Protein backbone atom coordinates (compact mmCIF):
# COMPACT_ATOMS: atom_id res chain seq x y z
CA MET A 1 0.00 0.00 0.00
CA THR A 2 1.20 3.50 -0.78
CA GLU A 3 -0.92 5.17 1.89
CA GLN A 4 -1.55 4.48 5.56
CA LYS A 5 -5.25 3.85 5.17
CA VAL A 6 -6.51 0.32 4.76
CA ARG A 7 -9.15 0.02 2.03
CA TRP A 8 -12.03 -2.11 3.21
CA GLY A 9 -14.60 -4.16 1.36
CA ILE A 10 -17.84 -5.31 3.00
CA ALA A 11 -19.23 -8.75 2.08
CA GLY A 12 -22.84 -9.31 3.05
CA LEU A 13 -24.94 -6.22 3.67
CA GLY A 14 -27.35 -7.04 6.50
CA LYS A 15 -27.97 -5.22 9.77
CA ILE A 16 -24.58 -5.88 11.35
CA ALA A 17 -22.83 -4.71 8.17
CA HIS A 18 -24.62 -1.37 8.51
CA ARG A 19 -23.43 -1.00 12.10
CA PHE A 20 -19.84 -1.92 11.24
CA THR A 21 -19.72 0.34 8.20
CA ALA A 22 -21.18 3.32 10.05
CA ASP A 23 -18.39 3.05 12.62
CA LEU A 24 -15.73 2.40 9.97
CA THR A 25 -16.63 5.48 7.96
CA GLN A 26 -17.14 7.85 10.91
CA HIS A 27 -14.78 6.75 13.67
CA VAL A 28 -11.71 5.01 12.19
CA ASP A 29 -8.70 7.08 11.15
CA ASN A 30 -6.46 4.39 9.67
CA ALA A 31 -8.97 2.91 7.23
CA CYS A 32 -11.60 3.81 4.66
CA LEU A 33 -14.54 2.15 2.96
CA TYR A 34 -13.70 1.22 -0.62
CA ALA A 35 -16.18 -1.40 -1.85
CA VAL A 36 -19.29 -3.36 -0.90
CA SER A 37 -20.71 -6.59 -2.25
CA ALA A 38 -23.96 -8.54 -2.14
CA ARG A 39 -25.76 -10.96 -4.40
CA ASP A 40 -28.52 -8.36 -4.82
CA GLU A 41 -27.30 -5.57 -7.12
CA GLN A 42 -29.87 -3.05 -5.89
CA ARG A 43 -28.94 -3.70 -2.27
CA ALA A 44 -25.24 -3.27 -3.07
CA ASP A 45 -25.87 -0.02 -4.93
CA ALA A 46 -28.04 1.40 -2.14
CA PHE A 47 -25.52 0.44 0.54
CA ALA A 48 -22.66 1.97 -1.43
CA GLN A 49 -24.59 5.19 -1.91
CA GLN A 50 -25.52 5.41 1.77
CA TYR A 51 -21.92 5.06 2.95
CA GLN A 52 -20.20 6.58 -0.11
CA ALA A 53 -18.27 3.49 -1.15
CA GLU A 54 -16.34 3.85 -4.39
CA HIS A 55 -17.53 0.53 -5.79
CA ALA A 56 -20.56 -1.73 -5.44
CA TYR A 57 -20.40 -5.32 -6.62
CA SER A 58 -23.28 -7.72 -7.21
CA SER A 59 -21.02 -10.73 -6.65
CA TYR A 60 -18.47 -11.56 -3.98
CA GLN A 61 -16.14 -12.93 -6.66
CA ALA A 62 -16.00 -9.54 -8.38
CA MET A 63 -15.00 -7.76 -5.19
CA ALA A 64 -12.43 -10.45 -4.43
CA GLU A 65 -10.84 -9.77 -7.82
CA ASP A 66 -10.53 -6.03 -7.17
CA PRO A 67 -6.81 -5.44 -6.45
CA ASN A 68 -7.55 -2.24 -4.54
CA VAL A 69 -9.38 -4.02 -1.70
CA ASP A 70 -6.95 -4.61 1.18
CA ALA A 71 -9.25 -6.13 3.80
CA VAL A 72 -12.73 -7.62 3.84
CA TYR A 73 -15.31 -7.68 6.61
CA ILE A 74 -17.46 -10.80 6.20
CA ALA A 75 -20.91 -10.12 7.63
CA THR A 76 -22.86 -13.02 6.17
CA ILE A 77 -24.42 -15.60 8.49
CA HIS A 78 -21.94 -18.13 9.82
CA PRO A 79 -22.90 -21.10 7.59
CA PHE A 80 -21.38 -19.15 4.70
CA HIS A 81 -18.20 -18.05 6.46
CA LYS A 82 -15.92 -20.84 5.28
CA CYS A 83 -16.54 -20.37 1.56
CA MET A 84 -16.34 -16.58 1.91
CA VAL A 85 -13.12 -16.62 3.92
CA GLU A 86 -11.57 -19.04 1.45
CA LEU A 87 -12.55 -16.85 -1.49
CA PHE A 88 -11.04 -13.67 -0.11
CA LEU A 89 -7.88 -15.25 1.33
CA ASN A 90 -7.21 -16.88 -2.04
CA HIS A 91 -7.41 -13.43 -3.61
CA GLY A 92 -4.94 -11.87 -1.19
CA LYS A 93 -7.34 -10.07 1.13
CA HIS A 94 -6.98 -9.77 4.88
CA VAL A 95 -10.17 -11.02 6.55
CA LEU A 96 -12.26 -9.97 9.54
CA VAL A 97 -15.01 -12.58 9.84
CA GLU A 98 -18.05 -12.25 12.05
CA LYS A 99 -18.44 -14.49 15.06
CA PRO A 100 -18.53 -17.40 15.26
CA ALA A 101 -15.76 -17.48 12.68
CA PHE A 102 -16.66 -21.08 11.84
CA THR A 103 -18.92 -23.78 13.21
CA ASN A 104 -16.28 -26.49 13.46
CA THR A 105 -12.56 -26.80 14.11
CA GLN A 106 -11.78 -28.41 10.75
CA ASP A 107 -12.88 -25.26 8.94
CA TRP A 108 -10.88 -23.12 11.37
CA ASP A 109 -7.73 -25.20 10.93
CA ASN A 110 -8.01 -25.18 7.14
CA MET A 111 -8.63 -21.45 6.87
CA LYS A 112 -5.92 -20.57 9.40
CA ALA A 113 -3.46 -22.67 7.39
CA LEU A 114 -4.50 -20.82 4.23
CA ALA A 115 -4.09 -17.43 5.92
CA ASP A 116 -0.66 -18.44 7.19
CA LYS A 117 0.34 -19.62 3.71
CA GLN A 118 -0.81 -16.36 2.17
CA GLY A 119 0.74 -14.21 4.89
CA LEU A 120 -2.62 -12.59 5.63
CA VAL A 121 -4.56 -11.59 8.73
CA LEU A 122 -7.51 -13.83 9.61
CA MET A 123 -9.31 -12.47 12.66
CA GLU A 124 -12.63 -13.33 14.27
CA ALA A 125 -14.78 -10.25 14.85
CA MET A 126 -15.00 -10.63 18.63
CA LYS A 127 -15.28 -6.91 19.18
CA SER A 128 -15.87 -7.09 22.95
CA VAL A 129 -12.22 -7.92 23.65
CA THR A 130 -11.03 -4.95 21.56
CA PHE A 131 -12.88 -2.35 23.65
CA PRO A 132 -10.43 -0.06 25.49
CA ALA A 133 -12.20 -0.61 28.83
CA TYR A 134 -11.74 -4.36 28.52
CA ARG A 135 -8.08 -3.97 27.50
CA ALA A 136 -7.59 -1.77 30.60
CA LEU A 137 -9.22 -4.45 32.77
CA ARG A 138 -6.87 -7.10 31.44
CA ASP A 139 -3.92 -4.84 32.13
CA PHE A 140 -5.18 -4.20 35.68
CA ILE A 141 -5.53 -7.94 36.35
CA GLN A 142 -2.08 -8.63 34.93
CA LYS A 143 -0.31 -5.72 36.65
CA ASN A 144 -1.68 -6.65 40.07
CA SER A 145 -1.32 -10.44 39.60
CA ILE A 146 -4.99 -10.81 40.52
CA GLU A 147 -6.18 -14.35 41.10
CA ILE A 148 -9.46 -15.25 39.40
CA GLU A 149 -11.60 -18.02 40.90
CA SER A 150 -14.84 -17.73 38.93
CA ILE A 151 -16.48 -16.09 35.93
CA GLU A 152 -20.21 -15.74 35.37
CA ALA A 153 -21.57 -14.35 32.11
CA ALA A 154 -24.51 -14.87 29.78
CA PHE A 155 -25.99 -13.54 26.57
CA GLY A 156 -29.68 -14.17 26.02
CA ASN A 157 -32.64 -12.46 24.39
CA TRP A 158 -36.18 -13.56 23.64
CA HIS A 159 -37.05 -14.10 19.98
CA GLU A 160 -40.40 -15.21 18.64
CA PHE A 161 -40.05 -18.77 17.41
CA ASP A 162 -39.88 -18.91 13.62
CA VAL A 163 -38.06 -21.74 11.91
CA GLN A 164 -37.49 -19.47 8.90
CA GLN A 165 -35.25 -17.25 11.02
CA GLN A 166 -31.61 -18.30 10.86
CA ILE A 167 -31.31 -18.60 14.64
CA PHE A 168 -34.07 -21.25 14.73
CA ASN A 169 -33.22 -22.91 11.41
CA PRO A 170 -31.26 -26.18 11.84
CA ASN A 171 -30.26 -26.11 8.17
CA LEU A 172 -28.47 -22.79 8.73
CA CYS A 173 -26.53 -23.73 11.88
CA GLY A 174 -29.02 -22.03 14.19
CA GLY A 175 -29.23 -22.27 17.96
CA ALA A 176 -28.05 -20.45 21.06
CA THR A 177 -24.58 -21.99 21.30
CA LEU A 178 -23.33 -20.78 17.93
CA ASP A 179 -25.34 -17.58 17.69
CA VAL A 180 -24.77 -16.05 21.14
CA GLY A 181 -22.93 -18.60 23.28
CA VAL A 182 -19.75 -17.61 21.50
CA TYR A 183 -19.71 -14.25 23.34
CA ALA A 184 -19.55 -15.49 26.93
CA LEU A 185 -17.40 -18.49 26.06
CA TRP A 186 -14.91 -16.06 24.53
CA LEU A 187 -14.83 -13.97 27.72
CA TYR A 188 -14.21 -17.09 29.80
CA ALA A 189 -11.54 -18.45 27.45
CA ASP A 190 -9.77 -15.11 27.12
CA LEU A 191 -9.44 -14.64 30.88
CA CYS A 192 -8.34 -18.26 31.32
CA GLN A 193 -5.67 -17.59 28.71
CA LEU A 194 -4.61 -14.44 30.56
CA LYS A 195 -4.22 -16.39 33.81
CA GLN A 196 -2.75 -19.44 32.06
CA SER A 197 -5.53 -21.62 33.46
CA GLU A 198 -6.23 -24.79 31.50
CA ILE A 199 -9.81 -25.22 30.31
CA GLN A 200 -11.41 -28.61 30.93
CA PRO A 201 -14.59 -29.71 29.10
CA PRO A 202 -17.66 -28.29 30.86
CA SER A 203 -20.88 -29.97 31.83
CA VAL A 204 -23.65 -28.70 29.57
CA THR A 205 -27.41 -28.44 29.99
CA TYR A 206 -29.76 -27.62 27.14
CA GLN A 207 -33.35 -26.48 27.15
CA LYS A 208 -35.96 -26.23 24.42
CA HIS A 209 -38.86 -23.80 24.79
CA ASN A 210 -40.75 -24.69 21.60
CA ASN A 211 -41.85 -28.25 20.85
CA GLU A 212 -41.09 -27.91 17.14
CA SER A 213 -37.59 -26.61 17.69
CA LYS A 214 -34.63 -28.58 16.32
CA VAL A 215 -31.96 -26.25 17.71
CA ASP A 216 -30.57 -25.55 21.16
CA GLU A 217 -32.58 -22.61 22.50
CA THR A 218 -31.04 -22.16 25.95
CA VAL A 219 -27.72 -23.57 27.11
CA GLU A 220 -25.57 -23.38 30.22
CA PHE A 221 -21.92 -24.37 30.36
CA THR A 222 -20.55 -25.16 33.82
CA PHE A 223 -16.78 -25.27 34.24
CA THR A 224 -15.64 -26.86 37.50
CA HIS A 225 -11.88 -27.25 36.98
CA GLY A 226 -9.36 -24.43 37.18
CA ILE A 227 -11.23 -21.13 36.94
CA LYS A 228 -14.86 -21.98 37.59
CA GLY A 229 -17.35 -20.73 35.06
CA LYS A 230 -21.10 -20.40 34.64
CA ILE A 231 -21.70 -19.43 31.03
CA GLY A 232 -25.20 -19.03 29.62
CA ALA A 233 -26.80 -18.36 26.25
CA SER A 234 -30.36 -18.21 24.95
CA ILE A 235 -32.34 -17.24 21.89
CA SER A 236 -35.66 -17.78 23.69
CA GLN A 237 -35.32 -15.89 26.97
CA GLY A 238 -33.60 -12.86 28.37
CA LEU A 239 -30.59 -13.51 30.59
CA LYS A 240 -28.56 -11.42 33.02
CA ARG A 241 -26.71 -8.64 31.20
CA VAL A 242 -23.77 -8.10 33.55
CA ALA A 243 -20.68 -10.29 33.83
CA THR A 244 -19.09 -11.00 37.21
CA ILE A 245 -15.50 -12.05 37.83
CA ARG A 246 -14.46 -13.03 41.35
CA GLY A 247 -11.30 -13.93 43.22
CA PRO A 248 -10.08 -14.06 46.82
CA GLU A 249 -9.45 -10.31 46.87
CA VAL A 250 -11.49 -9.02 43.98
CA GLU A 251 -14.97 -8.63 42.53
CA ILE A 252 -15.26 -7.27 39.01
CA VAL A 253 -18.59 -6.38 37.42
CA ILE A 254 -18.72 -5.59 33.71
CA GLN A 255 -21.89 -3.57 33.53
CA ASP A 256 -24.84 -3.82 31.13
CA LYS A 257 -24.35 -4.81 28.23
CA TRP A 258 -21.20 -6.61 29.28
CA TRP A 259 -20.40 -7.70 25.68
CA ASN A 260 -19.98 -4.00 24.86
CA PRO A 261 -17.73 -3.29 27.86
CA THR A 262 -17.70 0.43 28.58
CA VAL A 263 -18.12 0.61 32.38
CA ILE A 264 -16.39 -1.89 34.68
CA ASP A 265 -16.58 -1.72 38.48
CA VAL A 266 -13.64 -3.25 40.33
CA THR A 267 -13.46 -3.85 44.07
CA TYR A 268 -9.93 -4.96 44.90
CA LYS A 269 -8.61 -5.39 48.44
CA GLY A 270 -11.60 -3.43 49.72
CA GLU A 271 -11.07 -0.44 47.43
CA HIS A 272 -13.40 0.44 44.58
CA THR A 273 -12.30 1.76 41.22
CA GLN A 274 -14.18 2.19 37.96
CA ILE A 275 -12.81 1.63 34.50
CA SER A 276 -14.79 3.63 31.97
CA HIS A 277 -14.28 4.29 28.29
CA LEU A 278 -17.25 5.16 26.11
CA PRO A 279 -16.99 4.50 22.38
CA THR A 280 -17.41 7.32 19.90
CA GLY A 281 -19.45 4.97 17.72
CA GLY A 282 -21.12 1.63 18.26
CA GLY A 283 -17.97 -0.24 19.24
CA PHE A 284 -17.15 -1.74 15.86
CA GLU A 285 -14.54 0.98 15.37
CA PHE A 286 -12.19 -0.76 17.77
CA GLU A 287 -11.91 -4.04 15.88
CA ALA A 288 -11.74 -2.24 12.53
CA SER A 289 -8.96 0.06 13.71
CA HIS A 290 -7.09 -2.80 15.39
CA LEU A 291 -7.04 -5.02 12.31
CA SER A 292 -6.20 -2.07 10.07
CA GLN A 293 -3.20 -1.27 12.25
CA LEU A 294 -2.02 -4.88 12.09
CA ILE A 295 -1.99 -4.59 8.30
CA ILE A 296 -0.19 -1.24 8.34
CA ASP A 297 2.41 -2.62 10.75
CA GLY A 298 2.94 -5.74 8.64
CA LYS A 299 1.66 -8.10 11.33
CA SER A 300 -0.46 -11.15 10.59
CA ILE A 301 -1.61 -12.19 14.08
CA SER A 302 -3.69 -10.24 16.61
CA ASP A 303 -2.72 -10.28 20.26
CA PHE A 304 -6.21 -8.98 21.13
CA VAL A 305 -8.07 -11.76 19.29
CA PRO A 306 -5.55 -14.62 19.17
CA HIS A 307 -6.05 -17.59 16.89
CA GLU A 308 -5.66 -20.00 19.80
CA THR A 309 -8.65 -18.55 21.64
CA SER A 310 -10.85 -18.54 18.55
CA ARG A 311 -10.06 -22.20 17.97
CA GLN A 312 -10.56 -23.09 21.62
CA VAL A 313 -14.03 -21.53 21.70
CA ILE A 314 -15.02 -23.23 18.44
CA ALA A 315 -13.82 -26.54 19.88
CA LEU A 316 -15.89 -26.04 23.05
CA MET A 317 -19.03 -25.31 21.03
CA GLU A 318 -18.40 -28.15 18.60
CA ARG A 319 -17.84 -30.73 21.32
CA SER A 320 -20.85 -29.69 23.38
CA LEU A 321 -23.18 -29.78 20.38
CA LYS A 322 -21.85 -33.17 19.26
CA ASP A 323 -22.13 -34.66 22.74
CA ASN A 324 -25.70 -33.49 23.20
CA GLY A 325 -27.35 -34.52 19.95
CA PHE A 326 -26.90 -31.34 17.94
CA SER A 327 -24.23 -32.43 15.46
CA HIS A 328 -26.55 -31.41 12.63
CA LEU A 329 -26.02 -27.75 13.58
CA LEU A 330 -22.30 -27.85 12.83
CA HIS A 331 -22.62 -28.10 9.05
CA ALA A 332 -25.17 -26.23 6.95
CA SER A 333 -27.34 -28.40 4.73
CA HIS A 334 -26.12 -26.63 1.57
CA GLN A 335 -22.47 -27.55 2.15
């Protein structure tokens, strides 16, 4: 690149793509929007006009072949991630792929190997761990050698049951584990990695709220070895929106919505402190800026969103779904 601005392409133009692109275009200094792509030409044109992209493509292949695209944000639903990631890596693009990056470890391993071969960044879009408040919390824990005994976190919202919706559709890798369980599992795994605590397979309980459902609607992961964990997820009921981290001398509360960590209350050795950092946008600016800087600096691996943690979380989800009769959710019916 001849300039210090990473030129982004957006693949898949649904709701989350709008949120990411709004932050990218308004709140990121080291990057710019260059192109957008969707299978629907009218949607691509309208999206490009709204955010002033230079190019709109009605096929992902066409955007992949554009040599001016440096990085691609993949915002399609997760059953399509593998083929999309493969397409853009093979055309020399750095990739930020929405969570979960993949639904099984084989896809992760294959795509990571391809990224390594190509010398490109492949990063899961786990934006919560890129928030400055969360980075400050990690630094505080590390600096003070704080012992962590337990982590409790959940992500759950009620949705009207409709098998045509992706989250309830077994043919499109629906269910709570893959759709929202990834958030709290990532928090648990990231803090275990920080404290070098080995993660043992959890006990898992599943609940269905609709008789016709063929996906996991509510799930709880209970970790009893090393750092204890109570990790919940649901697509059929609302769950607690704060995350709590405890140790012998500390209680940490990541306030509502914990997956967008902006206010964190810490009571350590009897003294209270608050970590606060409000985003200028919706929070997507942090992951976009972080990956852009990796590219500018010639780095291919993120220390905020490490490959090892992405794989570990995918492995936890994969194993729990396999062990509890939901193997059919790990591979979309079209693949």
